[in-house]
Amino acid sequence: MHIRYRMFGTVIVLVALVVCILAGCSTRSSTGGGVARPQKTNSPRSNDVVVQADTEDAGAVRPGKVPIHTGKLGRVLLLKPKPGGYADLFERDLDTDSTELLISYRWFPKTFVWPVEAVKPSPDGEYLALIESVNVFSGGGRCWVWERKTGRVSKVSDDSLGSAGFDWLPEGKRLLVHDDAGGLYFDGPYDGSIAFYDAATHKLSKLGPVKGLVLAVPASKSSNVIEVLSIKGDRSSVYMQPSVGERKFLFQWPGLIFSIIQSPDSSRFVFYDFDNYYVTDTRGRNARKFKIPAVNENLLTTFKFNNSGTRVGVFTEYCAGEPHVNKTQQLWVADVRSGHAWRIAKWEELFQGRDLAIARTLEGWLPDASSIVISGDLYYGIEKPADTEHDWCKLWSYNTDRKNTKSIQLFDSGKGWYGAAWWYIGPTL
């Protein structure tokens, strides 16, 4: 009798073991062998996708809290090309020299159009705006937002917004979606539009058409937007547009403004009107001219203030030549209070030539308020294979002291990377 009970107990254990094995096989087969896949949410937002990383996906980063600060040198976002035009997105910590996978291309919605045109981190690093490849027929490219804490990828816009631009507001939770004349490409009266995407609620609020919209950029504080309108010829009207409510007229300028930025304390504007560079108060008064030569009306200009608002970086770009493109890029720094300006560096590159060419971008300032960060994407010319496996990214910092403008290389990705975007958060910002 004792032996019979022991045998019966053994049978029960074996049956339970078989059931567990079969259940495990069923679960494994239903998840595709452990490969991470986008999973649709049960919420009514059908465009949302939840990223679920798997333990078999080596190097995958789980959604987690955003760091309080990024160290002294910040972080750089990079894209690693994959066959078929896809790419994985990685993040490099410049202080620890560690690299982590943020988003695998397998986690994107099937409707995402590859390749990624640009990556824009929010000021606090909690969100990344991912801009699709530009539609050559409509000029538009859709934008998606990835949330670091949850791993969710949400669609912001579609082709109905035209050739929209995307910029984060300083508070870090809302994205400005603007369809304007694009500054350099303005060729007459343009009826644009402005919208705000709330990354926390996943809602897009459209403000409607804006007649004569030349430029729309985030203000330095709150959720306001600086609008530059041109309705009559070459004169510009500058407004402050809140996310809710009526716009406020600030001033009128006799030239056509195509690049503008507001100081961190909101007391000044720095802008370029195709003839000269100026700093004024917020009403366009007390104008001082920076002594920076403007080559001609095809000069593309980018501004970045340092944290203290005492200096502004001025990055200019001029393209000429056909079929080989000559690109001249210059980095200037201007003292806002005195109006003095000095050149930090000048680069001349021949694209589609025989040698390597670098397309540089002004990223921002380091927290010391005296060093400026430049990124560069390297491209081979027509004599070399024209695929992204031969591209790579670099990052430099330039000292902006007039008597010591030396540069330091912060990062070199090596071959097979593209689309570098630098960001920093910390107690000094």
Protein backbone atom coordinates (compact mmCIF):
# COMPACT_ATOMS: atom_id res chain seq x y z
CA MET A 1 0.00 0.00 0.00
CA HIS A 2 2.82 2.39 0.84
CA ILE A 3 4.54 1.68 -2.46
CA ARG A 4 1.27 2.25 -4.40
CA TYR A 5 0.85 5.75 -2.90
CA ARG A 6 4.44 6.63 -3.76
CA MET A 7 3.93 5.57 -7.39
CA PHE A 8 0.69 7.57 -7.60
CA GLY A 9 2.47 10.67 -6.29
CA THR A 10 5.25 10.23 -8.82
CA VAL A 11 2.73 10.08 -11.69
CA ILE A 12 1.11 13.34 -10.55
CA VAL A 13 4.50 15.09 -10.49
CA LEU A 14 5.38 13.83 -14.00
CA VAL A 15 2.01 14.98 -15.40
CA ALA A 16 2.45 18.46 -13.86
CA LEU A 17 5.96 18.69 -15.34
CA VAL A 18 4.73 17.83 -18.84
CA VAL A 19 1.94 20.43 -18.58
CA CYS A 20 4.48 23.11 -17.57
CA ILE A 21 6.77 22.22 -20.48
CA LEU A 22 3.93 22.35 -23.01
CA ALA A 23 2.73 25.71 -21.63
CA GLY A 24 6.23 27.12 -21.90
CA CYS A 25 6.57 25.96 -25.52
CA SER A 26 3.21 27.52 -26.39
CA THR A 27 4.18 30.83 -24.81
CA ARG A 28 7.56 30.88 -26.53
CA SER A 29 6.10 30.13 -29.96
CA SER A 30 3.46 32.84 -29.59
CA THR A 31 6.10 35.51 -28.92
CA GLY A 32 8.24 34.61 -31.88
CA GLY A 33 11.13 33.02 -30.01
CA GLY A 34 11.76 35.97 -27.69
CA VAL A 35 12.22 38.67 -30.35
CA ALA A 36 10.90 42.05 -29.15
CA ARG A 37 7.98 43.37 -31.17
CA PRO A 38 5.80 46.48 -30.98
CA GLN A 39 2.58 45.74 -29.11
CA LYS A 40 -0.51 47.83 -29.76
CA THR A 41 -2.11 49.38 -26.72
CA ASN A 42 -5.75 48.91 -25.76
CA SER A 43 -6.27 52.65 -25.61
CA PRO A 44 -8.19 54.50 -28.34
CA ARG A 45 -4.90 56.02 -29.59
CA SER A 46 -4.44 53.57 -32.45
CA ASN A 47 -1.20 55.26 -33.55
CA ASP A 48 0.58 54.43 -30.27
CA VAL A 49 2.98 51.53 -29.98
CA VAL A 50 4.43 50.21 -26.72
CA VAL A 51 8.06 49.11 -26.91
CA GLN A 52 8.70 45.82 -25.11
CA ALA A 53 12.36 44.85 -24.83
CA ASP A 54 13.24 41.17 -24.38
CA THR A 55 16.04 39.64 -22.32
CA GLU A 56 17.40 37.88 -25.42
CA ASP A 57 17.83 41.26 -27.14
CA ALA A 58 21.43 41.96 -26.06
CA GLY A 59 22.08 45.59 -25.15
CA ALA A 60 18.44 46.67 -25.26
CA VAL A 61 17.61 49.46 -22.83
CA ARG A 62 14.49 49.10 -20.71
CA PRO A 63 12.26 52.13 -20.28
CA GLY A 64 13.34 53.94 -17.11
CA LYS A 65 13.77 57.26 -15.39
CA VAL A 66 15.57 60.10 -17.13
CA PRO A 67 18.87 61.00 -15.43
CA ILE A 68 18.89 64.17 -13.32
CA HIS A 69 21.75 65.51 -15.40
CA THR A 70 24.03 64.26 -18.17
CA GLY A 71 27.44 65.07 -16.70
CA LYS A 72 29.83 67.72 -17.96
CA LEU A 73 29.94 66.78 -21.64
CA GLY A 74 26.40 65.62 -22.34
CA ARG A 75 25.22 62.84 -24.62
CA VAL A 76 25.05 62.20 -28.34
CA LEU A 77 22.35 60.31 -30.26
CA LEU A 78 23.47 58.18 -33.21
CA LEU A 79 21.82 56.04 -35.88
CA LYS A 80 23.28 52.68 -36.94
CA PRO A 81 22.17 51.72 -40.47
CA LYS A 82 20.61 48.32 -41.09
CA PRO A 83 19.91 46.52 -44.40
CA GLY A 84 16.83 47.78 -46.19
CA GLY A 85 17.22 51.42 -45.11
CA TYR A 86 16.37 50.78 -41.45
CA ALA A 87 18.40 51.99 -38.45
CA ASP A 88 18.78 51.46 -34.72
CA LEU A 89 19.04 54.49 -32.43
CA PHE A 90 21.82 54.55 -29.82
CA GLU A 91 22.82 57.03 -27.10
CA ARG A 92 26.44 57.70 -26.13
CA ASP A 93 27.36 59.13 -22.71
CA LEU A 94 30.40 61.32 -23.35
CA ASP A 95 31.42 61.36 -19.69
CA THR A 96 31.43 57.59 -19.14
CA ASP A 97 32.09 56.54 -22.78
CA SER A 98 29.20 54.08 -22.58
CA THR A 99 26.82 53.41 -25.48
CA GLU A 100 23.28 52.05 -25.11
CA LEU A 101 20.60 50.98 -27.56
CA LEU A 102 17.52 53.17 -27.13
CA ILE A 103 15.25 52.08 -29.98
CA SER A 104 15.54 49.12 -32.34
CA TYR A 105 14.09 49.54 -35.83
CA ARG A 106 11.97 46.42 -35.12
CA TRP A 107 10.05 48.36 -32.46
CA PHE A 108 8.79 51.00 -34.89
CA PRO A 109 5.27 50.96 -36.35
CA LYS A 110 5.07 49.43 -39.82
CA THR A 111 3.80 52.72 -41.19
CA PHE A 112 7.04 54.58 -40.30
CA VAL A 113 8.82 55.75 -43.47
CA TRP A 114 12.56 55.09 -43.37
CA PRO A 115 15.21 56.39 -43.14
CA VAL A 116 15.10 58.74 -40.14
CA GLU A 117 15.66 62.29 -41.35
CA ALA A 118 16.46 63.83 -37.94
CA VAL A 119 16.33 63.16 -34.20
CA LYS A 120 15.49 65.99 -31.80
CA PRO A 121 15.68 65.38 -28.02
CA SER A 122 13.45 67.40 -25.71
CA PRO A 123 15.28 69.81 -23.35
CA ASP A 124 14.93 67.40 -20.41
CA GLY A 125 15.68 64.27 -22.45
CA GLU A 126 12.37 62.56 -21.62
CA TYR A 127 11.20 62.53 -25.26
CA LEU A 128 12.77 62.20 -28.70
CA ALA A 129 11.17 63.63 -31.84
CA LEU A 130 11.88 61.33 -34.79
CA ILE A 131 11.32 62.91 -38.20
CA GLU A 132 10.70 60.61 -41.14
CA SER A 133 12.39 60.84 -44.49
CA VAL A 134 11.01 63.84 -46.39
CA ASN A 135 8.32 63.12 -48.98
CA VAL A 136 9.77 64.27 -52.31
CA PHE A 137 6.30 64.86 -53.77
CA SER A 138 4.59 66.80 -50.98
CA GLY A 139 7.70 68.15 -49.25
CA GLY A 140 6.27 66.87 -45.97
CA GLY A 141 7.71 64.42 -43.49
CA ARG A 142 5.79 62.99 -40.55
CA CYS A 143 7.03 63.16 -36.98
CA TRP A 144 6.84 60.57 -34.20
CA VAL A 145 7.68 60.98 -30.50
CA TRP A 146 9.39 58.32 -28.37
CA GLU A 147 8.88 58.48 -24.59
CA ARG A 148 11.84 57.29 -22.53
CA LYS A 149 9.88 56.21 -19.44
CA THR A 150 7.36 53.98 -21.24
CA GLY A 151 9.06 53.24 -24.57
CA ARG A 152 5.91 54.30 -26.42
CA VAL A 153 6.25 55.62 -29.99
CA SER A 154 3.37 57.98 -30.95
CA LYS A 155 2.60 59.65 -34.25
CA VAL A 156 2.50 63.45 -34.10
CA SER A 157 1.61 64.52 -37.63
CA ASP A 158 0.84 63.42 -41.16
CA ASP A 159 1.34 64.84 -44.65
CA SER A 160 -1.65 67.17 -44.21
CA LEU A 161 0.61 69.57 -42.29
CA GLY A 162 2.79 70.14 -45.35
CA SER A 163 6.56 70.58 -45.02
CA ALA A 164 6.35 71.13 -41.29
CA GLY A 165 9.24 71.78 -38.94
CA PHE A 166 9.43 70.43 -35.39
CA ASP A 167 10.98 72.14 -32.35
CA TRP A 168 10.63 71.46 -28.63
CA LEU A 169 9.38 74.21 -26.36
CA PRO A 170 11.67 75.02 -23.39
CA GLU A 171 9.36 73.33 -20.85
CA GLY A 172 10.18 70.01 -22.55
CA LYS A 173 6.68 68.52 -22.81
CA ARG A 174 5.28 70.18 -25.92
CA LEU A 175 6.47 70.14 -29.50
CA LEU A 176 5.98 73.09 -31.84
CA VAL A 177 4.79 71.91 -35.26
CA HIS A 178 5.17 74.74 -37.75
CA ASP A 179 4.61 74.92 -41.49
CA ASP A 180 6.27 78.20 -42.47
CA ALA A 181 8.22 79.63 -45.37
CA GLY A 182 11.41 78.18 -43.91
CA GLY A 183 13.49 81.35 -43.78
CA LEU A 184 16.03 80.75 -46.54
CA TYR A 185 13.43 79.29 -48.91
CA PHE A 186 10.95 82.14 -48.66
CA ASP A 187 9.83 83.24 -52.14
CA GLY A 188 6.74 85.36 -51.51
CA PRO A 189 3.61 85.60 -49.33
CA TYR A 190 3.12 82.29 -47.56
CA ASP A 191 0.12 81.06 -45.59
CA GLY A 192 1.50 78.73 -42.95
CA SER A 193 0.19 77.02 -39.85
CA ILE A 194 1.14 76.37 -36.23
CA ALA A 195 0.23 73.46 -33.95
CA PHE A 196 1.30 72.16 -30.55
CA TYR A 197 1.77 68.49 -29.71
CA ASP A 198 1.53 67.58 -26.02
CA ALA A 199 3.80 64.57 -25.46
CA ALA A 200 2.18 63.74 -22.11
CA THR A 201 -1.43 63.64 -23.37
CA HIS A 202 -0.66 62.73 -27.03
CA LYS A 203 -2.89 65.56 -28.28
CA LEU A 204 -2.23 67.83 -31.26
CA SER A 205 -3.78 71.31 -31.04
CA LYS A 206 -3.88 73.31 -34.27
CA LEU A 207 -4.04 77.11 -34.19
CA GLY A 208 -5.16 77.35 -37.79
CA PRO A 209 -3.62 79.12 -40.80
CA VAL A 210 -1.26 82.08 -40.31
CA LYS A 211 -1.11 84.48 -43.23
CA GLY A 212 2.38 85.57 -44.28
CA LEU A 213 4.20 83.26 -41.84
CA VAL A 214 7.92 83.44 -42.60
CA LEU A 215 9.27 81.92 -39.41
CA ALA A 216 8.02 80.34 -36.16
CA VAL A 217 10.49 79.49 -33.38
CA PRO A 218 10.09 78.72 -29.66
CA ALA A 219 10.54 81.59 -27.22
CA SER A 220 13.18 81.18 -24.51
CA LYS A 221 10.66 80.63 -21.71
CA SER A 222 7.14 79.28 -21.13
CA SER A 223 5.20 77.93 -24.11
CA ASN A 224 5.22 81.02 -26.31
CA VAL A 225 6.25 81.11 -29.95
CA ILE A 226 7.99 83.92 -31.82
CA GLU A 227 6.28 84.56 -35.14
CA VAL A 228 7.77 86.55 -37.99
CA LEU A 229 5.17 87.65 -40.53
CA SER A 230 5.65 89.36 -43.86
CA ILE A 231 2.55 90.68 -45.58
CA LYS A 232 3.82 93.76 -47.38
CA GLY A 233 7.07 93.39 -49.30
CA ASP A 234 10.33 93.26 -47.36
CA ARG A 235 9.05 94.41 -43.99
CA SER A 236 8.70 92.04 -41.04
CA SER A 237 6.21 92.05 -38.18
CA VAL A 238 7.25 90.18 -35.05
CA TYR A 239 4.64 88.70 -32.71
CA MET A 240 4.56 86.59 -29.55
CA GLN A 241 2.03 83.76 -29.88
CA PRO A 242 0.99 81.81 -26.74
CA SER A 243 -0.20 78.23 -27.04
CA VAL A 244 -3.62 79.47 -25.94
CA GLY A 245 -4.97 82.93 -26.69
CA GLU A 246 -4.31 85.81 -29.07
CA ARG A 247 -0.88 86.77 -30.40
CA LYS A 248 0.77 89.97 -29.16
CA PHE A 249 2.45 92.43 -31.56
CA LEU A 250 6.03 93.28 -30.57
CA PHE A 251 7.61 95.37 -33.34
CA GLN A 252 8.02 95.96 -37.05
CA TRP A 253 11.36 95.76 -38.85
CA PRO A 254 12.26 97.38 -42.21
CA GLY A 255 13.99 94.21 -43.48
CA LEU A 256 12.85 90.62 -43.92
CA ILE A 257 13.91 88.57 -40.87
CA PHE A 258 14.85 84.99 -41.66
CA SER A 259 16.52 83.81 -38.47
CA ILE A 260 15.76 84.90 -34.89
CA ILE A 261 16.39 83.79 -31.30
CA GLN A 262 15.42 85.14 -27.88
CA SER A 263 17.93 85.47 -25.01
CA PRO A 264 17.58 83.12 -21.98
CA ASP A 265 16.27 85.99 -19.80
CA SER A 266 13.75 86.99 -22.52
CA SER A 267 15.10 90.57 -22.64
CA ARG A 268 16.67 90.55 -26.14
CA PHE A 269 16.32 89.30 -29.69
CA VAL A 270 19.18 88.41 -32.02
CA PHE A 271 18.25 88.11 -35.69
CA TYR A 272 19.47 88.17 -39.29
CA ASP A 273 17.64 90.04 -42.06
CA PHE A 274 19.73 89.00 -45.11
CA ASP A 275 21.76 92.19 -44.84
CA ASN A 276 23.08 92.31 -41.27
CA TYR A 277 23.00 90.72 -37.83
CA TYR A 278 21.33 92.65 -34.99
CA VAL A 279 20.61 92.52 -31.28
CA THR A 280 17.61 94.51 -29.99
CA ASP A 281 15.29 94.57 -27.00
CA THR A 282 11.97 92.73 -27.26
CA ARG A 283 10.35 95.78 -28.87
CA GLY A 284 12.96 96.07 -31.62
CA ARG A 285 14.59 99.12 -30.02
CA ASN A 286 18.21 99.95 -29.12
CA ALA A 287 19.47 97.98 -32.11
CA ARG A 288 23.18 97.14 -32.30
CA LYS A 289 24.77 95.61 -35.38
CA PHE A 290 27.17 92.67 -35.15
CA LYS A 291 30.17 93.02 -37.46
CA ILE A 292 29.67 89.72 -39.23
CA PRO A 293 29.89 89.77 -43.04
CA ALA A 294 26.77 88.55 -44.81
CA VAL A 295 27.86 86.96 -48.09
CA ASN A 296 24.51 87.27 -49.85
CA GLU A 297 20.85 86.43 -49.42
CA ASN A 298 21.53 82.67 -49.67
CA LEU A 299 23.27 82.59 -46.29
CA LEU A 300 21.67 80.13 -43.86
CA THR A 301 22.12 81.19 -40.24
CA THR A 302 21.69 79.35 -36.91
CA PHE A 303 21.87 81.03 -33.48
CA LYS A 304 22.56 79.52 -30.04
CA PHE A 305 22.83 81.49 -26.77
CA ASN A 306 25.11 80.37 -23.96
CA ASN A 307 23.48 79.67 -20.59
CA SER A 308 24.28 83.10 -19.16
CA GLY A 309 22.97 84.96 -22.21
CA THR A 310 26.17 87.00 -22.56
CA ARG A 311 27.32 85.43 -25.83
CA VAL A 312 25.58 84.04 -28.87
CA GLY A 313 27.00 81.55 -31.34
CA VAL A 314 26.36 82.42 -34.99
CA PHE A 315 26.73 79.57 -37.50
CA THR A 316 26.56 80.53 -41.18
CA GLU A 317 26.36 78.30 -44.22
CA TYR A 318 26.69 79.24 -47.88
CA CYS A 319 26.30 76.77 -50.79
CA ALA A 320 27.26 77.37 -54.42
CA GLY A 321 28.29 75.41 -57.49
CA GLU A 322 26.69 72.88 -59.84
CA PRO A 323 26.97 69.93 -60.20
CA HIS A 324 29.73 69.87 -57.54
CA VAL A 325 28.56 71.70 -54.43
CA ASN A 326 30.94 74.02 -52.61
CA LYS A 327 29.87 74.64 -49.04
CA THR A 328 31.42 77.34 -46.86
CA GLN A 329 30.58 77.20 -43.16
CA GLN A 330 31.71 79.65 -40.49
CA LEU A 331 31.38 79.83 -36.72
CA TRP A 332 31.23 83.26 -35.10
CA VAL A 333 30.67 84.36 -31.51
CA ALA A 334 29.20 87.75 -30.58
CA ASP A 335 29.17 89.57 -27.27
CA VAL A 336 25.57 90.63 -26.77
CA ARG A 337 26.28 93.68 -24.60
CA SER A 338 29.07 95.24 -26.67
CA GLY A 339 28.08 94.00 -30.14
CA HIS A 340 31.65 92.82 -30.84
CA ALA A 341 31.93 89.62 -32.89
CA TRP A 342 34.85 87.37 -33.78
CA ARG A 343 35.26 84.32 -35.99
CA ILE A 344 36.08 81.01 -34.31
CA ALA A 345 36.46 78.77 -37.37
CA LYS A 346 35.91 78.54 -41.11
CA TRP A 347 35.46 75.38 -43.19
CA GLU A 348 35.24 74.94 -46.96
CA GLU A 349 34.04 71.60 -48.29
CA LEU A 350 33.48 70.21 -51.80
CA PHE A 351 30.56 67.80 -51.82
CA GLN A 352 30.26 65.26 -54.64
CA GLY A 353 33.98 65.65 -55.19
CA ARG A 354 36.78 63.14 -54.78
CA ASP A 355 37.52 63.69 -51.11
CA LEU A 356 35.71 63.37 -47.83
CA ALA A 357 33.36 66.24 -46.96
CA ILE A 358 31.88 67.24 -43.60
CA ALA A 359 28.44 68.78 -43.05
CA ARG A 360 28.66 70.58 -39.71
CA THR A 361 25.89 71.67 -37.33
CA LEU A 362 25.85 74.07 -34.39
CA GLU A 363 24.56 71.99 -31.44
CA GLY A 364 24.84 74.31 -28.42
CA TRP A 365 27.05 75.36 -25.52
CA LEU A 366 28.73 73.38 -22.76
CA PRO A 367 27.71 74.37 -19.20
CA ASP A 368 30.90 76.41 -18.72
CA ALA A 369 29.25 79.03 -21.02
CA SER A 370 32.53 79.53 -22.89
CA SER A 371 32.77 76.40 -25.08
CA ILE A 372 30.53 75.70 -28.05
CA VAL A 373 29.70 72.26 -29.51
CA ILE A 374 29.81 71.41 -33.23
CA SER A 375 28.75 68.08 -34.74
CA GLY A 376 29.75 66.80 -38.15
CA ASP A 377 28.46 64.11 -40.51
CA LEU A 378 31.15 62.88 -42.89
CA TYR A 379 30.35 61.92 -46.48
CA TYR A 380 32.36 60.39 -49.31
CA GLY A 381 32.33 62.05 -52.72
CA ILE A 382 31.38 60.68 -56.13
CA GLU A 383 34.61 58.67 -56.42
CA LYS A 384 33.66 56.59 -53.36
CA PRO A 385 30.71 54.23 -52.63
CA ALA A 386 27.73 56.42 -51.72
CA ASP A 387 26.17 54.36 -48.93
CA THR A 388 25.82 54.96 -45.22
CA GLU A 389 28.27 52.18 -44.32
CA HIS A 390 31.02 54.65 -45.22
CA ASP A 391 29.64 57.56 -43.17
CA TRP A 392 30.54 58.49 -39.62
CA CYS A 393 30.03 61.27 -37.07
CA LYS A 394 32.30 63.47 -35.01
CA LEU A 395 31.78 66.02 -32.24
CA TRP A 396 34.02 68.93 -31.26
CA SER A 397 34.06 71.68 -28.66
CA TYR A 398 35.51 75.11 -29.50
CA ASN A 399 36.80 77.55 -26.93
CA THR A 400 35.20 80.94 -27.69
CA ASP A 401 37.84 83.19 -26.08
CA ARG A 402 39.11 85.63 -28.70
CA LYS A 403 42.77 84.84 -27.98
CA ASN A 404 42.35 81.09 -27.62
CA THR A 405 39.91 79.45 -30.06
CA LYS A 406 41.35 75.94 -29.96
CA SER A 407 39.12 72.92 -30.57
CA ILE A 408 38.92 69.54 -28.82
CA GLN A 409 37.45 66.42 -30.37
CA LEU A 410 34.84 65.03 -27.98
CA PHE A 411 33.70 62.02 -29.96
CA ASP A 412 34.46 59.95 -33.06
CA SER A 413 31.91 57.26 -33.94
CA GLY A 414 34.02 55.48 -36.55
CA LYS A 415 32.52 54.27 -39.82
CA GLY A 416 28.93 53.11 -40.10
CA TRP A 417 27.06 55.78 -38.10
CA TYR A 418 25.09 58.91 -39.03
CA GLY A 419 22.70 61.59 -37.79
CA ALA A 420 24.51 62.76 -34.65
CA ALA A 421 22.45 64.97 -32.28
CA TRP A 422 23.97 66.30 -29.03
CA TRP A 423 22.04 67.19 -25.88
CA TYR A 424 22.75 68.27 -22.32
CA ILE A 425 20.76 68.79 -19.14
CA GLY A 426 22.08 69.84 -15.77
CA PRO A 427 21.79 72.22 -12.81
CA THR A 428 23.43 75.06 -14.73
CA LEU A 429 20.76 75.22 -17.43
